[in-house]
């Protein structure tokens, strides 16, 4: 097979898989090439301290950026821990590491400190990598780079095909990566996921530079690398699918009790909560408020396949919710921080609603001109906050300060400030 680096070294982008329109007159698209085997074959899985030490030494001695990926067992196991970590670096080749057998990878993280890490959709993998001691100080996110460059399809497979002209086999993306031993086809898939990541990074860097967006991307990558761990979600039970049907506070209490019971069971058994009890079943019980196990068993999700002991534990959760005093019942909605929902603006503050409408139209037009998604140009929440409580004196300086105060990066402030100044001025009340 032709070395993929030879193809990636070509300055012009391929256009087989949804690359942004090329205004430089690129040649006609070529047929994509299936990528079937890693260049050096499938490496053995690193599963002991000696093998890990060899990998750390090899990657510390490597050159250039390091491609990093992680596989989780979403939908199978509790939480979002990593069950396989893949890396590739020039001079070190590819490594597949079992973080169950080697749960502390801080030594590897330290060896790669200061090295640029190349990830695809970095915010998805960074939390599970942080848990095992791996955090980049510098990174390049190929998915985010694709968004900023205007690619309509930014999945790894689409990007590798569109930019480099290779087809990745994606059949194992949703398998149970906690399986041991991992089957060879899965390991091949995992190795191929980092095979071309640095090549993709290099091509995207050239494209961003061509579009004048490279510095913007660097600011975005730096913000991701510097971001602290996410705060635990408040009242996570409120995200139960189908919650919009649950209106009464007593019913909300049933959802909370059943969700918390399910979460404890799932954590103890290390399985996905959905494998313990579905969201739909929780909502069904909350709406019905069953009086006993017999009534519960008649509901969808609590049929004959569920044992008596399980039914009793779910009914006990319902009964706990039913016995709560009024003051112990959850509020109908979470306390709102910041602006109200946009649909309520017209009634609460028509002038603010006009400002928001003008701002949204301006941001949308600017995003279209820059050929990138609106949410990557500026956070919709930031626009809402500035429009709800604009500076007392609206000018470029005060609006720029407001945007920066809400976490906008310098490039976003520069691009969006004129749009918001115009929108806020147009929606200002007469003096």
Protein backbone atom coordinates (compact mmCIF):
# COMPACT_ATOMS: atom_id res chain seq x y z
CA UNK A 1 0.00 0.00 0.00
CA UNK A 2 1.25 3.50 -0.78
CA UNK A 3 2.49 5.28 2.35
CA UNK A 4 -0.29 7.57 3.53
CA UNK A 5 2.19 10.29 4.36
CA UNK A 6 3.03 10.65 0.70
CA UNK A 7 -0.60 11.44 -0.02
CA UNK A 8 -0.95 13.74 2.98
CA UNK A 9 2.11 15.72 1.93
CA UNK A 10 0.22 16.98 -1.12
CA UNK A 11 -0.56 20.65 -0.48
CA UNK A 12 -3.96 20.63 -2.19
CA UNK A 13 -6.94 19.20 -0.28
CA UNK A 14 -8.89 16.27 -1.63
CA UNK A 15 -12.60 16.89 -2.17
CA UNK A 16 -14.08 13.39 -2.03
CA UNK A 17 -15.75 13.70 1.35
CA UNK A 18 -17.08 17.21 1.83
CA UNK A 19 -14.10 19.55 1.90
CA UNK A 20 -14.86 23.27 1.87
CA UNK A 21 -15.19 24.82 -1.59
CA UNK A 22 -11.72 25.24 -3.03
CA UNK A 23 -11.33 28.66 -4.58
CA UNK A 24 -7.84 27.86 -5.79
CA UNK A 25 -8.89 25.60 -8.63
CA UNK A 26 -8.19 22.12 -7.32
CA UNK A 27 -8.08 19.12 -9.60
CA UNK A 28 -10.98 16.69 -9.97
CA UNK A 29 -11.65 14.37 -7.06
CA UNK A 30 -9.97 10.99 -7.07
CA UNK A 31 -11.49 7.76 -5.82
CA UNK A 32 -10.79 7.28 -2.08
CA UNK A 33 -8.45 4.45 -1.04
CA UNK A 34 -9.58 1.98 1.66
CA UNK A 35 -7.21 2.01 4.63
CA UNK A 36 -7.10 -1.63 5.71
CA UNK A 37 -3.96 -2.16 7.80
CA UNK A 38 -1.74 0.01 10.04
CA UNK A 39 1.64 0.74 8.48
CA UNK A 40 3.59 -1.37 10.99
CA UNK A 41 0.77 -3.85 11.64
CA UNK A 42 -1.33 -4.10 14.80
CA UNK A 43 0.88 -3.46 17.84
CA UNK A 44 0.50 -5.66 20.94
CA UNK A 45 -1.71 -4.22 23.66
CA UNK A 46 0.34 -2.68 26.48
CA UNK A 47 -0.95 -4.27 29.69
CA UNK A 48 1.93 -4.30 32.22
CA UNK A 49 4.43 -1.92 33.78
CA UNK A 50 7.43 -3.09 31.74
CA UNK A 51 5.68 -2.67 28.40
CA UNK A 52 4.35 0.71 29.50
CA UNK A 53 7.85 1.87 30.43
CA UNK A 54 9.05 0.94 26.93
CA UNK A 55 6.21 2.92 25.34
CA UNK A 56 6.94 5.95 27.53
CA UNK A 57 10.60 5.89 26.51
CA UNK A 58 9.76 5.47 22.83
CA UNK A 59 7.23 8.30 22.76
CA UNK A 60 9.47 10.61 24.76
CA UNK A 61 12.16 10.05 22.12
CA UNK A 62 9.76 10.57 19.21
CA UNK A 63 9.45 13.76 17.21
CA UNK A 64 6.62 16.08 16.24
CA UNK A 65 3.00 16.01 17.40
CA UNK A 66 1.45 12.92 18.98
CA UNK A 67 -1.91 11.55 17.82
CA UNK A 68 -4.11 10.52 20.77
CA UNK A 69 -7.46 8.75 20.93
CA UNK A 70 -9.44 6.87 23.58
CA UNK A 71 -12.21 4.30 23.40
CA UNK A 72 -14.97 4.19 26.01
CA UNK A 73 -17.80 1.73 26.64
CA UNK A 74 -20.72 4.15 26.46
CA UNK A 75 -24.02 2.33 26.69
CA UNK A 76 -22.36 -0.71 28.28
CA UNK A 77 -20.55 0.47 31.42
CA UNK A 78 -21.20 3.03 34.12
CA UNK A 79 -19.42 6.33 33.57
CA UNK A 80 -17.13 7.40 30.76
CA UNK A 81 -13.79 5.82 31.65
CA UNK A 82 -11.28 4.90 28.97
CA UNK A 83 -10.90 1.22 28.06
CA UNK A 84 -8.26 1.68 25.37
CA UNK A 85 -5.82 4.52 24.64
CA UNK A 86 -4.19 4.82 21.23
CA UNK A 87 -1.17 6.96 20.39
CA UNK A 88 1.02 7.50 17.37
CA UNK A 89 4.13 9.63 16.97
CA UNK A 90 6.91 9.92 14.41
CA UNK A 91 9.79 7.72 15.50
CA UNK A 92 7.67 5.79 18.01
CA UNK A 93 5.02 4.21 15.82
CA UNK A 94 1.61 3.29 17.24
CA UNK A 95 0.84 2.13 20.79
CA UNK A 96 -2.36 0.57 22.12
CA UNK A 97 -2.58 0.80 25.93
CA UNK A 98 -5.03 -0.99 28.21
CA UNK A 99 -5.88 1.56 30.96
CA UNK A 100 -7.63 -1.14 32.98
CA UNK A 101 -4.36 -3.05 33.37
CA UNK A 102 -2.35 0.22 33.46
CA UNK A 103 -4.65 2.68 35.25
CA UNK A 104 -1.97 5.31 35.92
CA UNK A 105 -0.64 6.85 32.72
CA UNK A 106 0.69 10.01 34.39
CA UNK A 107 4.23 8.97 33.47
CA UNK A 108 3.25 8.94 29.81
CA UNK A 109 1.47 12.24 30.23
CA UNK A 110 4.60 13.78 31.75
CA UNK A 111 6.78 12.40 28.95
CA UNK A 112 4.53 14.15 26.44
CA UNK A 113 4.28 17.43 28.36
CA UNK A 114 4.91 20.32 26.01
CA UNK A 115 4.27 18.14 22.95
CA UNK A 116 1.28 19.06 20.80
CA UNK A 117 -1.45 16.41 21.10
CA UNK A 118 -3.65 15.83 18.07
CA UNK A 119 -7.18 14.67 18.95
CA UNK A 120 -10.46 14.50 17.07
CA UNK A 121 -13.30 16.06 19.11
CA UNK A 122 -10.94 16.66 22.02
CA UNK A 123 -13.59 17.60 24.59
CA UNK A 124 -15.06 14.08 24.33
CA UNK A 125 -11.80 12.32 25.20
CA UNK A 126 -10.10 14.75 27.60
CA UNK A 127 -12.25 13.88 30.67
CA UNK A 128 -11.44 10.15 30.50
CA UNK A 129 -7.78 10.88 29.71
CA UNK A 130 -7.58 13.22 32.70
CA UNK A 131 -8.82 10.38 34.95
CA UNK A 132 -5.75 8.28 34.06
CA UNK A 133 -3.23 11.11 34.38
CA UNK A 134 -3.02 12.38 30.80
CA UNK A 135 -3.63 16.06 30.03
CA UNK A 136 -2.14 18.02 27.14
CA UNK A 137 -0.55 21.42 27.55
CA UNK A 138 -0.93 22.02 23.80
CA UNK A 139 -3.40 20.44 21.40
CA UNK A 140 -4.78 20.48 17.87
CA UNK A 141 -8.41 19.37 17.49
CA UNK A 142 -9.02 18.12 13.95
CA UNK A 143 -12.81 18.17 14.34
CA UNK A 144 -12.84 21.79 15.53
CA UNK A 145 -10.34 22.69 12.81
CA UNK A 146 -12.76 21.24 10.27
CA UNK A 147 -15.62 23.33 11.66
CA UNK A 148 -13.60 26.53 11.52
CA UNK A 149 -12.46 25.71 7.98
CA UNK A 150 -16.06 25.25 6.83
CA UNK A 151 -16.28 21.49 6.32
CA UNK A 152 -19.95 20.42 6.37
CA UNK A 153 -19.04 16.93 7.64
CA UNK A 154 -16.50 16.80 10.45
CA UNK A 155 -16.56 13.18 11.62
CA UNK A 156 -13.13 11.57 11.52
CA UNK A 157 -14.05 9.24 8.65
CA UNK A 158 -15.46 12.06 6.53
CA UNK A 159 -12.46 14.30 7.25
CA UNK A 160 -9.86 11.62 6.45
CA UNK A 161 -11.68 10.78 3.23
CA UNK A 162 -12.33 14.38 2.21
CA UNK A 163 -8.89 15.75 3.02
CA UNK A 164 -6.51 12.81 2.58
CA UNK A 165 -8.44 10.52 0.25
CA UNK A 166 -8.51 7.44 2.47
CA UNK A 167 -11.53 5.51 3.76
CA UNK A 168 -11.49 4.44 7.41
CA UNK A 169 -13.51 1.41 8.45
CA UNK A 170 -15.89 2.64 11.19
CA UNK A 171 -17.80 -0.54 12.01
CA UNK A 172 -16.52 -0.89 15.59
CA UNK A 173 -17.11 2.61 16.96
CA UNK A 174 -20.02 1.57 19.21
CA UNK A 175 -18.78 -1.81 20.49
CA UNK A 176 -18.21 -2.69 24.15
CA UNK A 177 -14.58 -1.66 24.60
CA UNK A 178 -14.53 -3.12 28.12
CA UNK A 179 -14.44 -6.59 26.48
CA UNK A 180 -11.30 -8.56 27.31
CA UNK A 181 -9.43 -9.73 25.37
CA UNK A 182 -10.19 -7.19 22.66
CA UNK A 183 -10.76 -8.90 19.28
CA UNK A 184 -8.14 -8.31 16.60
CA UNK A 185 -10.54 -6.47 14.21
CA UNK A 186 -11.31 -3.98 16.99
CA UNK A 187 -7.60 -3.42 17.65
CA UNK A 188 -7.00 -2.88 13.93
CA UNK A 189 -9.80 -0.30 13.88
CA UNK A 190 -8.36 1.41 16.96
CA UNK A 191 -4.85 1.59 15.49
CA UNK A 192 -6.17 3.01 12.22
CA UNK A 193 -7.99 5.78 14.10
CA UNK A 194 -4.61 7.39 14.91
CA UNK A 195 -2.83 6.27 11.74
CA UNK A 196 -3.53 9.47 9.79
CA UNK A 197 -4.42 11.92 12.55
CA UNK A 198 -1.15 13.88 12.34
CA UNK A 199 -1.36 13.84 8.53
CA UNK A 200 -4.88 15.26 8.81
CA UNK A 201 -3.66 17.90 11.26
CA UNK A 202 -0.93 19.04 8.86
CA UNK A 203 -3.34 19.37 5.94
CA UNK A 204 -5.92 21.23 8.02
CA UNK A 205 -3.30 23.61 9.34
CA UNK A 206 -2.44 24.55 5.76
CA UNK A 207 -6.11 25.04 4.91
CA UNK A 208 -6.75 27.20 7.98
CA UNK A 209 -3.70 29.27 7.13
CA UNK A 210 -4.93 29.67 3.55
CA UNK A 211 -8.27 30.97 4.87
CA UNK A 212 -6.65 33.32 7.40
CA UNK A 213 -8.10 31.35 10.32
CA UNK A 214 -5.05 29.61 11.76
CA UNK A 215 -4.60 32.04 14.64
CA UNK A 216 -8.31 31.70 15.45
CA UNK A 217 -7.91 27.94 15.66
CA UNK A 218 -4.85 28.26 17.88
CA UNK A 219 -6.82 30.41 20.32
CA UNK A 220 -9.62 27.83 20.39
CA UNK A 221 -7.20 24.97 20.99
CA UNK A 222 -5.47 26.89 23.80
CA UNK A 223 -8.84 27.53 25.46
CA UNK A 224 -9.68 23.81 25.40
CA UNK A 225 -6.29 22.84 26.82
CA UNK A 226 -6.58 25.42 29.62
CA UNK A 227 -10.20 24.67 30.55
CA UNK A 228 -10.72 23.22 34.05
CA UNK A 229 -12.70 19.99 34.55
CA UNK A 230 -16.44 20.47 34.14
CA UNK A 231 -18.43 21.03 37.32
CA UNK A 232 -20.73 18.14 38.30
CA UNK A 233 -24.16 18.66 36.78
CA UNK A 234 -26.78 19.92 39.23
CA UNK A 235 -29.84 17.66 39.49
CA UNK A 236 -28.76 15.28 36.70
CA UNK A 237 -32.05 13.38 37.10
CA UNK A 238 -33.79 16.29 35.38
CA UNK A 239 -32.16 15.18 32.12
CA UNK A 240 -34.23 11.98 32.08
CA UNK A 241 -35.58 11.54 28.56
CA UNK A 242 -39.30 12.34 28.42
CA UNK A 243 -39.25 14.73 31.41
CA UNK A 244 -41.37 17.22 29.48
CA UNK A 245 -44.37 14.99 30.22
CA UNK A 246 -43.85 15.21 33.99
CA UNK A 247 -45.61 18.28 35.39
CA UNK A 248 -46.55 17.76 39.03
CA UNK A 249 -44.02 18.06 41.85
CA UNK A 250 -44.96 14.66 43.32
CA UNK A 251 -44.31 13.06 39.94
CA UNK A 252 -40.96 14.88 39.72
CA UNK A 253 -40.10 13.38 43.11
CA UNK A 254 -40.78 9.89 41.72
CA UNK A 255 -38.42 10.55 38.80
CA UNK A 256 -35.75 11.76 41.23
CA UNK A 257 -36.07 8.76 43.57
CA UNK A 258 -36.12 6.20 40.76
CA UNK A 259 -33.24 7.89 38.91
CA UNK A 260 -31.09 7.95 42.05
CA UNK A 261 -31.93 4.32 42.84
CA UNK A 262 -31.06 3.30 39.30
CA UNK A 263 -27.80 5.25 39.43
CA UNK A 264 -26.70 3.53 42.64
CA UNK A 265 -27.46 0.11 41.16
CA UNK A 266 -25.71 0.91 37.88
CA UNK A 267 -22.62 2.20 39.66
CA UNK A 268 -22.46 -0.87 41.92
CA UNK A 269 -22.83 -3.24 38.96
CA UNK A 270 -20.68 -1.09 36.62
CA UNK A 271 -23.26 -1.11 33.86
CA UNK A 272 -24.93 1.64 31.87
CA UNK A 273 -27.96 3.00 33.78
CA UNK A 274 -30.13 2.32 30.75
CA UNK A 275 -29.41 -1.40 31.13
CA UNK A 276 -30.84 -1.28 34.66
CA UNK A 277 -34.07 0.58 33.83
CA UNK A 278 -35.04 2.72 30.86
CA UNK A 279 -35.84 6.42 31.08
CA UNK A 280 -39.21 5.66 29.53
CA UNK A 281 -40.05 3.27 32.38
CA UNK A 282 -39.11 5.88 34.99
CA UNK A 283 -41.36 8.49 33.37
CA UNK A 284 -44.17 5.93 33.03
CA UNK A 285 -44.04 5.19 36.77
CA UNK A 286 -43.89 8.88 37.64
CA UNK A 287 -47.01 9.64 35.61
CA UNK A 288 -48.95 6.64 36.96
CA UNK A 289 -47.91 6.86 40.65
CA UNK A 290 -48.65 3.11 41.10
CA UNK A 291 -50.14 2.11 44.45
CA UNK A 292 -48.36 -1.25 44.70
CA UNK A 293 -46.16 -3.77 42.90
CA UNK A 294 -49.10 -5.20 40.96
CA UNK A 295 -49.94 -1.78 39.55
CA UNK A 296 -46.27 -1.13 38.77
CA UNK A 297 -45.93 -4.46 36.96
CA UNK A 298 -48.75 -3.46 34.61
CA UNK A 299 -46.75 -0.46 33.32
CA UNK A 300 -44.52 -0.49 30.25
CA UNK A 301 -40.95 -1.38 31.23
CA UNK A 302 -41.95 -3.40 34.32
CA UNK A 303 -43.21 -6.59 32.71
CA UNK A 304 -42.94 -10.29 33.47
CA UNK A 305 -39.20 -10.39 32.75
CA UNK A 306 -38.53 -8.32 35.87
CA UNK A 307 -38.20 -10.30 39.10
CA UNK A 308 -40.26 -9.68 42.21
CA UNK A 309 -37.28 -8.28 44.13
CA UNK A 310 -36.54 -5.75 41.39
CA UNK A 311 -40.16 -4.68 41.23
CA UNK A 312 -40.18 -4.16 44.98
CA UNK A 313 -37.12 -1.93 44.88
CA UNK A 314 -38.70 0.30 42.19
CA UNK A 315 -42.00 0.41 44.07
CA UNK A 316 -40.10 1.35 47.22
CA UNK A 317 -38.63 4.34 45.33
CA UNK A 318 -42.13 5.36 44.26
CA UNK A 319 -43.39 5.01 47.83
CA UNK A 320 -40.53 7.14 49.19
CA UNK A 321 -41.46 9.91 46.78
CA UNK A 322 -45.14 9.63 47.71
CA UNK A 323 -44.33 9.95 51.43
CA UNK A 324 -42.34 13.19 51.13
CA UNK A 325 -43.72 16.38 52.63
CA UNK A 326 -44.58 19.28 50.36
CA UNK A 327 -41.42 21.17 51.35
CA UNK A 328 -39.28 18.18 50.29
CA UNK A 329 -40.67 17.97 46.77
CA UNK A 330 -38.49 19.23 43.92
CA UNK A 331 -39.34 22.53 42.27
CA UNK A 332 -40.96 22.32 38.82
CA UNK A 333 -37.85 23.74 37.17
CA UNK A 334 -34.25 24.49 38.00
CA UNK A 335 -33.38 28.03 39.15
CA UNK A 336 -32.48 30.03 36.06
CA UNK A 337 -29.12 31.76 36.04
CA UNK A 338 -28.69 34.42 33.43
CA UNK A 339 -31.29 35.45 30.87
CA UNK A 340 -34.72 33.79 30.64
CA UNK A 341 -35.49 31.49 27.70
CA UNK A 342 -35.61 33.53 24.47
CA UNK A 343 -39.26 32.62 23.88
CA UNK A 344 -40.15 34.64 27.00
CA UNK A 345 -38.26 37.77 25.99
CA UNK A 346 -41.04 39.37 23.96
CA UNK A 347 -43.31 39.45 27.03
CA UNK A 348 -40.67 40.28 29.65
CA UNK A 349 -38.66 42.86 27.69
CA UNK A 350 -39.69 43.63 24.08
CA UNK A 351 -36.69 45.93 23.60
CA UNK A 352 -34.28 43.14 24.63
CA UNK A 353 -36.14 40.78 22.29
CA UNK A 354 -35.54 43.20 19.43
CA UNK A 355 -31.85 43.41 20.33
CA UNK A 356 -31.58 39.62 20.34
CA UNK A 357 -33.34 39.29 16.99
CA UNK A 358 -30.99 41.82 15.39
CA UNK A 359 -27.94 40.19 16.99
CA UNK A 360 -28.91 36.71 15.83
CA UNK A 361 -29.44 37.91 12.28
CA UNK A 362 -26.09 39.71 12.28
CA UNK A 363 -24.18 36.76 13.74
CA UNK A 364 -25.83 34.39 11.28
CA UNK A 365 -24.84 36.56 8.32
CA UNK A 366 -21.28 36.91 9.61
CA UNK A 367 -20.94 33.15 10.19
CA UNK A 368 -22.12 32.54 6.63
CA UNK A 369 -19.55 34.98 5.26
CA UNK A 370 -16.80 33.34 7.31
CA UNK A 371 -18.03 29.86 6.30
CA UNK A 372 -18.30 28.37 9.78
CA UNK A 373 -21.08 27.31 12.18
CA UNK A 374 -22.59 30.14 14.24
CA UNK A 375 -21.85 28.37 17.53
CA UNK A 376 -18.13 28.29 16.68
CA UNK A 377 -18.13 31.96 15.77
CA UNK A 378 -19.62 32.89 19.15
CA UNK A 379 -21.51 31.01 21.85
CA UNK A 380 -25.29 31.59 21.55
CA UNK A 381 -25.39 31.91 25.36
CA UNK A 382 -22.86 34.76 25.21
CA UNK A 383 -24.99 36.60 22.64
CA UNK A 384 -28.09 36.16 24.84
CA UNK A 385 -26.33 37.45 27.94
CA UNK A 386 -24.95 40.55 26.22
CA UNK A 387 -28.33 41.31 24.64
CA UNK A 388 -30.23 40.83 27.91
CA UNK A 389 -27.88 43.07 29.92
CA UNK A 390 -26.00 45.27 27.43
CA UNK A 391 -23.43 47.84 28.54
CA UNK A 392 -24.93 51.13 29.66
CA UNK A 393 -22.98 52.93 26.94
CA UNK A 394 -22.88 50.84 23.78
CA UNK A 395 -19.67 51.22 21.82
CA UNK A 396 -16.91 48.98 20.49
CA UNK A 397 -14.91 49.13 23.71
CA UNK A 398 -17.75 48.27 26.10
CA UNK A 399 -19.18 45.51 23.90
CA UNK A 400 -15.73 43.98 23.44
CA UNK A 401 -15.24 44.01 27.22
CA UNK A 402 -18.65 42.36 27.73
CA UNK A 403 -17.83 39.60 25.24
CA UNK A 404 -14.43 38.97 26.82
CA UNK A 405 -16.05 38.91 30.26
CA UNK A 406 -18.25 36.02 29.10
CA UNK A 407 -15.23 34.03 27.90
CA UNK A 408 -15.10 34.94 24.20
CA UNK A 409 -11.65 34.54 22.68
CA UNK A 410 -9.80 37.53 21.22
CA UNK A 411 -10.57 36.56 17.62
CA UNK A 412 -14.26 36.18 18.42
CA UNK A 413 -14.33 39.57 20.13
CA UNK A 414 -12.71 41.16 17.09
CA UNK A 415 -15.14 39.58 14.62
CA UNK A 416 -18.40 39.84 16.57
CA UNK A 417 -18.07 43.23 18.30
CA UNK A 418 -19.12 45.32 15.24
CA UNK A 419 -22.16 43.08 14.70
CA UNK A 420 -23.30 43.39 18.31
CA UNK A 421 -22.64 47.14 18.47
CA UNK A 422 -24.97 47.55 15.48
CA UNK A 423 -27.60 45.23 16.96
CA UNK A 424 -27.53 46.78 20.44
CA UNK A 425 -27.63 50.29 19.03
CA UNK A 426 -30.58 49.46 16.78
CA UNK A 427 -32.49 47.95 19.69
CA UNK A 428 -31.66 50.70 22.21
CA UNK A 429 -34.58 52.64 23.71
CA UNK A 430 -34.86 56.27 22.63
CA UNK A 431 -32.97 58.66 24.93
